[in-house]
Protein backbone atom coordinates (compact mmCIF):
# COMPACT_ATOMS: atom_id res chain seq x y z
CA UNK A 1 204.08 74.97 160.48
CA UNK A 2 203.17 72.40 163.09
CA UNK A 3 201.94 68.91 162.29
CA UNK A 4 198.52 69.76 163.72
CA UNK A 5 198.24 72.91 161.61
CA UNK A 6 199.17 70.98 158.41
CA UNK A 7 196.72 68.22 159.30
CA UNK A 8 193.98 70.75 159.95
CA UNK A 9 194.72 72.60 156.69
CA UNK A 10 194.86 69.38 154.69
CA UNK A 11 191.79 67.62 156.05
CA UNK A 12 189.46 69.85 158.04
CA UNK A 13 189.24 72.89 155.77
CA UNK A 14 188.17 70.90 152.68
CA UNK A 15 185.72 68.95 154.84
CA UNK A 16 184.03 72.10 156.13
CA UNK A 17 183.93 73.67 152.66
CA UNK A 18 182.23 70.49 151.40
CA UNK A 19 179.66 70.63 154.20
CA UNK A 20 178.87 74.31 153.57
CA UNK A 21 178.61 73.79 149.81
CA UNK A 22 176.42 70.69 150.17
CA UNK A 23 173.99 72.59 152.38
CA UNK A 24 173.82 75.43 149.87
CA UNK A 25 173.29 72.97 147.01
CA UNK A 26 170.39 71.34 148.85
CA UNK A 27 168.60 74.60 149.59
CA UNK A 28 165.43 73.95 147.65
CA UNK A 29 162.27 76.04 147.34
CA UNK A 30 159.68 74.85 149.85
CA UNK A 31 156.80 76.50 147.95
CA UNK A 32 157.72 74.76 144.71
CA UNK A 33 158.20 71.53 146.64
CA UNK A 34 154.70 71.78 148.08
CA UNK A 35 153.26 72.20 144.59
CA UNK A 36 155.24 69.19 143.35
CA UNK A 37 154.24 67.08 146.38
CA UNK A 38 150.81 66.44 144.90
CA UNK A 39 152.46 63.39 143.29
CA UNK A 40 153.42 62.05 146.73
CA UNK A 41 150.24 62.72 148.71
CA UNK A 42 148.38 59.58 147.67
CA UNK A 43 150.79 57.34 149.59
CA UNK A 44 152.79 59.65 151.87
CA UNK A 45 149.84 61.77 153.05
CA UNK A 46 148.90 65.39 152.59
CA UNK A 47 151.33 66.54 155.27
CA UNK A 48 154.03 63.91 154.73
CA UNK A 49 152.54 61.45 157.24
CA UNK A 50 151.99 58.12 155.57
CA UNK A 51 148.57 56.52 155.14
CA UNK A 52 150.02 53.08 155.77
CA UNK A 53 152.62 51.57 158.20
CA UNK A 54 154.49 50.10 155.19
CA UNK A 55 155.03 53.54 153.60
CA UNK A 56 157.54 55.89 155.24
CA UNK A 57 156.67 59.31 156.61
CA UNK A 58 158.42 62.12 154.74
CA UNK A 59 157.64 64.99 157.15
CA UNK A 60 160.66 66.10 159.15
CA UNK A 61 163.18 63.94 157.35
CA UNK A 62 166.64 65.42 156.72
CA UNK A 63 166.93 67.03 153.25
CA UNK A 64 170.09 65.07 152.38
CA UNK A 65 168.33 61.78 153.19
CA UNK A 66 165.33 62.70 151.04
CA UNK A 67 167.45 63.85 148.11
CA UNK A 68 169.62 60.77 148.17
CA UNK A 69 166.66 58.39 148.51
CA UNK A 70 164.65 59.98 145.72
CA UNK A 71 167.67 60.04 143.40
CA UNK A 72 168.36 56.37 144.19
CA UNK A 73 164.79 55.53 143.18
CA UNK A 74 165.05 57.71 140.06
CA UNK A 75 168.33 56.02 139.04
CA UNK A 76 167.09 52.53 139.79
CA UNK A 77 169.58 51.98 142.59
CA UNK A 78 166.63 51.34 144.95
CA UNK A 79 163.97 49.13 143.47
CA UNK A 80 160.28 49.79 143.97
CA UNK A 81 158.03 49.74 140.94
CA UNK A 82 155.74 52.52 142.24
CA UNK A 83 158.52 54.84 143.44
CA UNK A 84 160.75 54.20 140.40
CA UNK A 85 157.93 55.28 138.07
CA UNK A 86 156.77 58.19 140.23
CA UNK A 87 160.18 59.92 140.45
CA UNK A 88 161.32 59.06 136.94
CA UNK A 89 160.49 62.50 135.54
CA UNK A 90 161.72 64.61 138.45
CA UNK A 91 164.64 67.01 137.85
CA UNK A 92 167.36 67.60 140.42
CA UNK A 93 165.68 70.93 141.24
CA UNK A 94 162.33 69.16 141.74
CA UNK A 95 164.00 66.76 144.16
CA UNK A 96 165.71 69.58 146.06
CA UNK A 97 162.38 71.39 146.31
CA UNK A 98 160.55 68.29 147.55
CA UNK A 99 163.29 67.71 150.16
CA UNK A 100 163.04 71.32 151.31
CA UNK A 101 159.29 71.06 151.64
CA UNK A 102 159.09 67.73 153.48
CA UNK A 103 162.01 68.50 155.80
CA UNK A 104 160.23 71.68 156.86
CA UNK A 105 157.17 69.72 158.06
CA UNK A 106 156.90 68.44 161.60
């Protein structure tokens, strides 16, 4: 087996499997996410477009970014008293669903 073939087998295959699995794991339910988004609308707007320049837009963001950010707020890694309390009760499925919904908006 050539060096390139061993390198590809050792590094690229696991990398692509990880990418594929992470996309499957983040496939949330947009309909459930829209229902859960009622919590977010007061600050982030009815269609994910913020009501204030200090508050980020959620519409069109990448699902991975949304999931990681919400989980960081939920876990206290990112500090914001409003966000920390708002996402405290969200399950991983709720977060995946919200990410699916907001990433589908333009």
